[in-house]
N, C-alpha and C. Protein backbone atom coordinates (compact mmCIF):
# COMPACT_ATOMS: atom_id res chain seq x y z
N MET A 1 -0.60 -0.19 1.16
CA MET A 1 0.65 0.49 1.07
C MET A 1 1.28 0.52 2.44
N ALA A 2 2.57 0.25 2.47
CA ALA A 2 3.29 0.29 3.73
C ALA A 2 4.72 0.72 3.50
N GLU A 3 5.29 1.29 4.53
CA GLU A 3 6.69 1.69 4.49
C GLU A 3 7.42 1.01 5.63
N GLY A 4 8.53 0.32 5.31
CA GLY A 4 9.39 -0.30 6.31
C GLY A 4 8.64 -1.23 7.25
N THR A 5 8.85 -1.05 8.55
CA THR A 5 8.23 -1.93 9.54
C THR A 5 6.73 -1.66 9.69
N ALA A 6 6.22 -0.65 9.03
CA ALA A 6 4.78 -0.37 9.07
C ALA A 6 3.98 -1.47 8.37
N ILE A 7 4.66 -2.45 7.83
CA ILE A 7 3.99 -3.59 7.23
C ILE A 7 3.35 -4.48 8.30
N ALA A 8 3.80 -4.34 9.54
CA ALA A 8 3.35 -5.23 10.62
C ALA A 8 1.83 -5.32 10.74
N PRO A 9 1.07 -4.23 10.76
CA PRO A 9 -0.39 -4.38 10.87
C PRO A 9 -1.06 -4.86 9.59
N ILE A 10 -0.38 -4.71 8.47
CA ILE A 10 -0.97 -5.11 7.19
C ILE A 10 -0.83 -6.61 6.96
N ARG A 11 0.23 -7.19 7.44
CA ARG A 11 0.49 -8.62 7.25
C ARG A 11 -0.67 -9.51 7.71
N PRO A 12 -1.17 -9.37 8.95
CA PRO A 12 -2.29 -10.22 9.34
C PRO A 12 -3.58 -9.93 8.55
N MET A 13 -3.73 -8.68 8.12
CA MET A 13 -4.89 -8.35 7.29
C MET A 13 -4.85 -9.14 5.99
N LEU A 14 -3.67 -9.21 5.38
CA LEU A 14 -3.53 -9.96 4.14
C LEU A 14 -3.83 -11.44 4.34
N ARG A 15 -3.30 -12.01 5.41
CA ARG A 15 -3.55 -13.43 5.69
C ARG A 15 -5.04 -13.73 5.80
N ARG A 16 -5.76 -12.82 6.41
CA ARG A 16 -7.19 -13.03 6.61
C ARG A 16 -8.00 -12.71 5.35
N LEU A 17 -7.57 -11.71 4.62
CA LEU A 17 -8.31 -11.21 3.47
C LEU A 17 -8.16 -12.07 2.21
N LEU A 18 -6.95 -12.48 1.91
CA LEU A 18 -6.68 -13.11 0.61
C LEU A 18 -7.51 -14.36 0.30
N PRO A 19 -7.78 -15.24 1.25
CA PRO A 19 -8.60 -16.40 0.89
C PRO A 19 -10.03 -16.03 0.49
N HIS A 20 -10.47 -14.81 0.80
CA HIS A 20 -11.87 -14.45 0.59
C HIS A 20 -12.10 -13.32 -0.39
N ALA A 21 -11.12 -12.44 -0.57
CA ALA A 21 -11.34 -11.26 -1.41
C ALA A 21 -10.11 -10.98 -2.27
N GLN A 22 -10.36 -10.76 -3.53
CA GLN A 22 -9.30 -10.40 -4.45
C GLN A 22 -9.93 -9.56 -5.55
N PRO A 23 -9.26 -8.69 -6.20
CA PRO A 23 -7.82 -8.49 -6.19
C PRO A 23 -7.35 -7.64 -5.01
N VAL A 24 -6.10 -7.86 -4.64
CA VAL A 24 -5.45 -7.09 -3.59
C VAL A 24 -4.07 -6.70 -4.12
N HIS A 25 -3.71 -5.46 -3.91
CA HIS A 25 -2.44 -4.95 -4.41
C HIS A 25 -1.67 -4.36 -3.22
N LEU A 26 -0.45 -4.82 -3.01
CA LEU A 26 0.39 -4.33 -1.92
C LEU A 26 1.59 -3.59 -2.49
N LEU A 27 1.68 -2.30 -2.18
CA LEU A 27 2.87 -1.51 -2.47
C LEU A 27 3.63 -1.40 -1.15
N TYR A 28 4.86 -1.88 -1.15
CA TYR A 28 5.65 -1.93 0.07
C TYR A 28 6.99 -1.25 -0.20
N GLY A 29 7.25 -0.16 0.50
CA GLY A 29 8.44 0.62 0.26
C GLY A 29 9.38 0.67 1.44
N ALA A 30 10.66 0.88 1.12
CA ALA A 30 11.68 1.02 2.16
C ALA A 30 12.90 1.71 1.58
N ALA A 31 13.80 2.09 2.48
CA ALA A 31 15.03 2.77 2.07
C ALA A 31 16.01 1.82 1.37
N ALA A 32 15.92 0.55 1.69
CA ALA A 32 16.80 -0.45 1.09
C ALA A 32 16.09 -1.80 1.11
N GLY A 33 16.46 -2.66 0.18
CA GLY A 33 15.81 -3.97 0.09
C GLY A 33 15.90 -4.77 1.37
N GLU A 34 17.00 -4.63 2.08
CA GLU A 34 17.15 -5.40 3.33
C GLU A 34 16.26 -4.88 4.45
N HIS A 35 15.63 -3.74 4.26
CA HIS A 35 14.69 -3.22 5.25
C HIS A 35 13.27 -3.77 5.07
N LEU A 36 13.06 -4.45 3.97
CA LEU A 36 11.75 -5.07 3.74
C LEU A 36 11.68 -6.39 4.49
N VAL A 37 10.64 -6.56 5.28
CA VAL A 37 10.47 -7.81 6.04
C VAL A 37 9.31 -8.60 5.45
N TYR A 38 9.31 -9.88 5.67
CA TYR A 38 8.25 -10.80 5.23
C TYR A 38 8.17 -10.94 3.71
N VAL A 39 9.23 -10.59 3.00
CA VAL A 39 9.19 -10.65 1.54
C VAL A 39 8.91 -12.06 1.04
N ASP A 40 9.57 -13.06 1.63
CA ASP A 40 9.33 -14.44 1.20
C ASP A 40 7.87 -14.82 1.37
N GLU A 41 7.29 -14.42 2.47
CA GLU A 41 5.88 -14.72 2.74
C GLU A 41 4.97 -14.05 1.70
N PHE A 42 5.25 -12.79 1.37
CA PHE A 42 4.42 -12.09 0.40
C PHE A 42 4.59 -12.69 -1.00
N GLU A 43 5.78 -13.12 -1.33
CA GLU A 43 6.00 -13.77 -2.62
C GLU A 43 5.24 -15.09 -2.70
N LYS A 44 5.20 -15.84 -1.61
CA LYS A 44 4.42 -17.08 -1.58
C LYS A 44 2.93 -16.79 -1.72
N MET A 45 2.46 -15.75 -1.04
CA MET A 45 1.05 -15.35 -1.18
C MET A 45 0.73 -14.98 -2.62
N GLN A 46 1.66 -14.28 -3.26
CA GLN A 46 1.44 -13.88 -4.65
C GLN A 46 1.35 -15.10 -5.56
N ALA A 47 2.16 -16.12 -5.28
CA ALA A 47 2.10 -17.36 -6.07
C ALA A 47 0.83 -18.14 -5.79
N GLN A 48 0.35 -18.07 -4.57
CA GLN A 48 -0.83 -18.84 -4.16
C GLN A 48 -2.13 -18.19 -4.61
N TYR A 49 -2.21 -16.86 -4.56
CA TYR A 49 -3.45 -16.15 -4.87
C TYR A 49 -3.28 -15.34 -6.14
N GLU A 50 -3.95 -15.77 -7.16
CA GLU A 50 -3.83 -15.15 -8.48
C GLU A 50 -4.13 -13.65 -8.46
N GLY A 51 -5.04 -13.23 -7.61
CA GLY A 51 -5.43 -11.84 -7.55
C GLY A 51 -4.60 -10.97 -6.63
N PHE A 52 -3.51 -11.51 -6.09
CA PHE A 52 -2.67 -10.73 -5.19
C PHE A 52 -1.42 -10.28 -5.92
N MET A 53 -1.17 -8.97 -5.89
CA MET A 53 0.04 -8.43 -6.50
C MET A 53 0.87 -7.74 -5.42
N PHE A 54 2.13 -8.10 -5.36
CA PHE A 54 3.07 -7.57 -4.38
C PHE A 54 4.17 -6.82 -5.12
N GLU A 55 4.32 -5.53 -4.79
CA GLU A 55 5.35 -4.71 -5.43
C GLU A 55 6.21 -4.04 -4.38
N ARG A 56 7.51 -4.00 -4.65
CA ARG A 56 8.47 -3.32 -3.79
C ARG A 56 8.86 -1.99 -4.40
N LEU A 57 8.99 -0.99 -3.55
CA LEU A 57 9.51 0.31 -3.96
C LEU A 57 10.71 0.61 -3.07
N ILE A 58 11.87 0.71 -3.65
CA ILE A 58 13.10 0.97 -2.89
C ILE A 58 13.56 2.38 -3.23
N GLU A 59 13.71 3.18 -2.20
CA GLU A 59 14.13 4.57 -2.37
C GLU A 59 14.86 4.99 -1.10
N SER A 60 16.12 5.36 -1.21
CA SER A 60 16.92 5.66 -0.02
C SER A 60 16.45 6.89 0.73
N ASP A 61 15.83 7.83 0.05
CA ASP A 61 15.36 9.05 0.67
C ASP A 61 13.86 8.93 0.96
N LYS A 62 13.47 9.20 2.20
CA LYS A 62 12.06 9.06 2.60
C LYS A 62 11.13 9.94 1.76
N ALA A 63 11.54 11.16 1.51
CA ALA A 63 10.70 12.07 0.71
C ALA A 63 10.49 11.52 -0.70
N ARG A 64 11.54 10.96 -1.29
CA ARG A 64 11.40 10.37 -2.64
C ARG A 64 10.53 9.12 -2.60
N LEU A 65 10.65 8.34 -1.54
CA LEU A 65 9.81 7.14 -1.41
C LEU A 65 8.34 7.53 -1.39
N TYR A 66 7.99 8.49 -0.55
CA TYR A 66 6.60 8.92 -0.49
C TYR A 66 6.17 9.61 -1.78
N GLY A 67 7.11 10.27 -2.45
CA GLY A 67 6.81 10.84 -3.76
C GLY A 67 6.46 9.77 -4.78
N ARG A 68 7.19 8.66 -4.75
CA ARG A 68 6.88 7.54 -5.65
C ARG A 68 5.54 6.91 -5.30
N LEU A 69 5.27 6.74 -4.00
CA LEU A 69 3.97 6.21 -3.59
C LEU A 69 2.84 7.12 -4.08
N LEU A 70 3.03 8.41 -3.93
CA LEU A 70 2.03 9.37 -4.39
C LEU A 70 1.84 9.27 -5.90
N ALA A 71 2.92 9.17 -6.64
CA ALA A 71 2.83 9.04 -8.10
C ALA A 71 2.10 7.76 -8.49
N GLU A 72 2.36 6.67 -7.79
CA GLU A 72 1.67 5.40 -8.08
C GLU A 72 0.17 5.53 -7.81
N ILE A 73 -0.17 6.14 -6.69
CA ILE A 73 -1.59 6.33 -6.35
C ILE A 73 -2.28 7.18 -7.41
N GLU A 74 -1.68 8.30 -7.73
CA GLU A 74 -2.30 9.19 -8.71
C GLU A 74 -2.41 8.53 -10.08
N GLY A 75 -1.36 7.84 -10.49
CA GLY A 75 -1.37 7.21 -11.80
C GLY A 75 -2.30 6.03 -11.92
N ARG A 76 -2.33 5.18 -10.92
CA ARG A 76 -3.11 3.94 -11.00
C ARG A 76 -4.55 4.08 -10.54
N TRP A 77 -4.75 4.76 -9.42
CA TRP A 77 -6.07 4.72 -8.78
C TRP A 77 -6.82 6.04 -8.78
N ILE A 78 -6.23 7.04 -9.40
CA ILE A 78 -6.96 8.31 -9.54
C ILE A 78 -7.16 8.63 -11.01
N ARG A 79 -6.07 8.84 -11.76
CA ARG A 79 -6.21 9.22 -13.17
C ARG A 79 -6.64 8.06 -14.07
N ALA A 80 -6.08 6.88 -13.88
CA ALA A 80 -6.32 5.77 -14.81
C ALA A 80 -7.49 4.88 -14.41
N ASP A 81 -8.15 5.19 -13.31
CA ASP A 81 -9.19 4.30 -12.81
C ASP A 81 -10.33 5.12 -12.23
N GLN A 82 -11.51 4.88 -12.71
CA GLN A 82 -12.68 5.61 -12.22
C GLN A 82 -13.46 4.86 -11.15
N ASN A 83 -13.03 3.66 -10.80
CA ASN A 83 -13.70 2.86 -9.78
C ASN A 83 -13.39 3.41 -8.39
N ARG A 84 -14.31 4.15 -7.83
CA ARG A 84 -14.09 4.75 -6.50
C ARG A 84 -14.63 3.87 -5.37
N ALA A 85 -14.89 2.61 -5.68
CA ALA A 85 -15.34 1.67 -4.66
C ALA A 85 -14.16 0.93 -4.03
N ARG A 86 -12.97 1.16 -4.51
CA ARG A 86 -11.80 0.47 -3.96
C ARG A 86 -11.57 0.90 -2.51
N GLN A 87 -10.82 0.05 -1.80
CA GLN A 87 -10.48 0.35 -0.41
C GLN A 87 -8.96 0.36 -0.26
N PHE A 88 -8.49 1.23 0.62
CA PHE A 88 -7.06 1.41 0.83
C PHE A 88 -6.75 1.37 2.32
N PHE A 89 -5.57 0.83 2.63
CA PHE A 89 -5.03 0.93 3.98
C PHE A 89 -3.60 1.39 3.82
N ILE A 90 -3.27 2.50 4.44
CA ILE A 90 -1.95 3.10 4.32
C ILE A 90 -1.32 3.10 5.71
N CYS A 91 -0.09 2.63 5.78
CA CYS A 91 0.60 2.60 7.06
C CYS A 91 2.05 3.02 6.84
N GLY A 92 2.49 4.01 7.59
CA GLY A 92 3.85 4.50 7.46
C GLY A 92 4.17 5.51 8.54
N ILE A 93 5.24 6.26 8.30
CA ILE A 93 5.74 7.18 9.31
C ILE A 93 5.59 8.62 8.83
N GLY A 94 5.05 9.46 9.70
CA GLY A 94 5.05 10.89 9.45
C GLY A 94 3.84 11.44 8.73
N PRO A 95 3.90 12.74 8.45
CA PRO A 95 2.76 13.43 7.84
C PRO A 95 2.48 12.98 6.41
N GLU A 96 3.43 12.31 5.78
CA GLU A 96 3.22 11.83 4.42
C GLU A 96 2.06 10.85 4.33
N VAL A 97 1.85 10.10 5.41
CA VAL A 97 0.75 9.13 5.46
C VAL A 97 -0.59 9.85 5.33
N VAL A 98 -0.73 10.94 6.05
CA VAL A 98 -1.96 11.74 6.00
C VAL A 98 -2.12 12.35 4.61
N ARG A 99 -1.02 12.76 4.01
CA ARG A 99 -1.09 13.33 2.65
C ARG A 99 -1.60 12.30 1.65
N LEU A 100 -1.09 11.07 1.72
CA LEU A 100 -1.56 10.02 0.82
C LEU A 100 -3.05 9.77 1.04
N ARG A 101 -3.45 9.71 2.30
CA ARG A 101 -4.87 9.54 2.63
C ARG A 101 -5.70 10.64 2.01
N ASP A 102 -5.28 11.89 2.20
CA ASP A 102 -6.05 13.03 1.72
C ASP A 102 -6.14 13.07 0.20
N VAL A 103 -5.08 12.68 -0.49
CA VAL A 103 -5.11 12.65 -1.95
C VAL A 103 -6.20 11.70 -2.43
N LEU A 104 -6.28 10.54 -1.82
CA LEU A 104 -7.31 9.56 -2.21
C LEU A 104 -8.71 10.06 -1.87
N ARG A 105 -8.88 10.57 -0.68
CA ARG A 105 -10.20 11.07 -0.29
C ARG A 105 -10.63 12.24 -1.16
N ASN A 106 -9.71 13.12 -1.49
CA ASN A 106 -10.05 14.27 -2.34
C ASN A 106 -10.32 13.87 -3.79
N ALA A 107 -9.90 12.67 -4.16
CA ALA A 107 -10.16 12.17 -5.51
C ALA A 107 -11.51 11.47 -5.62
N GLY A 108 -12.27 11.42 -4.52
CA GLY A 108 -13.60 10.85 -4.59
C GLY A 108 -13.79 9.53 -3.87
N TYR A 109 -12.73 8.99 -3.28
CA TYR A 109 -12.90 7.78 -2.48
C TYR A 109 -13.55 8.14 -1.16
N GLU A 110 -14.48 7.31 -0.72
CA GLU A 110 -15.17 7.59 0.54
C GLU A 110 -14.20 7.56 1.71
N ARG A 111 -14.53 8.35 2.70
CA ARG A 111 -13.70 8.45 3.90
C ARG A 111 -13.43 7.07 4.51
N ARG A 112 -14.45 6.25 4.63
CA ARG A 112 -14.28 4.93 5.26
C ARG A 112 -13.52 3.95 4.38
N SER A 113 -13.33 4.29 3.10
CA SER A 113 -12.60 3.42 2.18
C SER A 113 -11.10 3.67 2.19
N VAL A 114 -10.67 4.73 2.85
CA VAL A 114 -9.26 5.07 2.90
C VAL A 114 -8.85 5.14 4.37
N ARG A 115 -8.31 4.04 4.84
CA ARG A 115 -7.89 3.96 6.24
C ARG A 115 -6.38 4.13 6.32
N TYR A 116 -5.92 4.62 7.45
CA TYR A 116 -4.50 4.88 7.58
C TYR A 116 -4.06 4.74 9.02
N GLU A 117 -2.77 4.54 9.15
CA GLU A 117 -2.16 4.49 10.48
C GLU A 117 -0.77 5.07 10.38
N LYS A 118 -0.49 6.05 11.22
CA LYS A 118 0.87 6.59 11.32
C LYS A 118 1.62 5.71 12.30
N TRP A 119 2.56 4.98 11.83
CA TRP A 119 3.29 3.96 12.59
C TRP A 119 4.32 4.58 13.48
């Protein structure tokens, strides 16, 4: 998961990870579509790697964007999925990043499985 330019540290991780490990799911959010960078590259990766899913979340208000990210996390990886072996990397701006991290950790994901960076 990344917000805006916080995609920068995730991009090289994807390049290194995708040839060796899948599935990988990228939720990438921004205030406007033109604020998303590397979209063409991520779309090519999605075409190349069957197990890679790239999703955009566009929300003009930062609080609503993080609210949508939180809803996606809770819906997909907490309530609808009991596999707590998954790994997450969250990168974005502000205290919302820590909140997303804490929601996952409090849902039973191991501390080392939920990494984050406040960009």
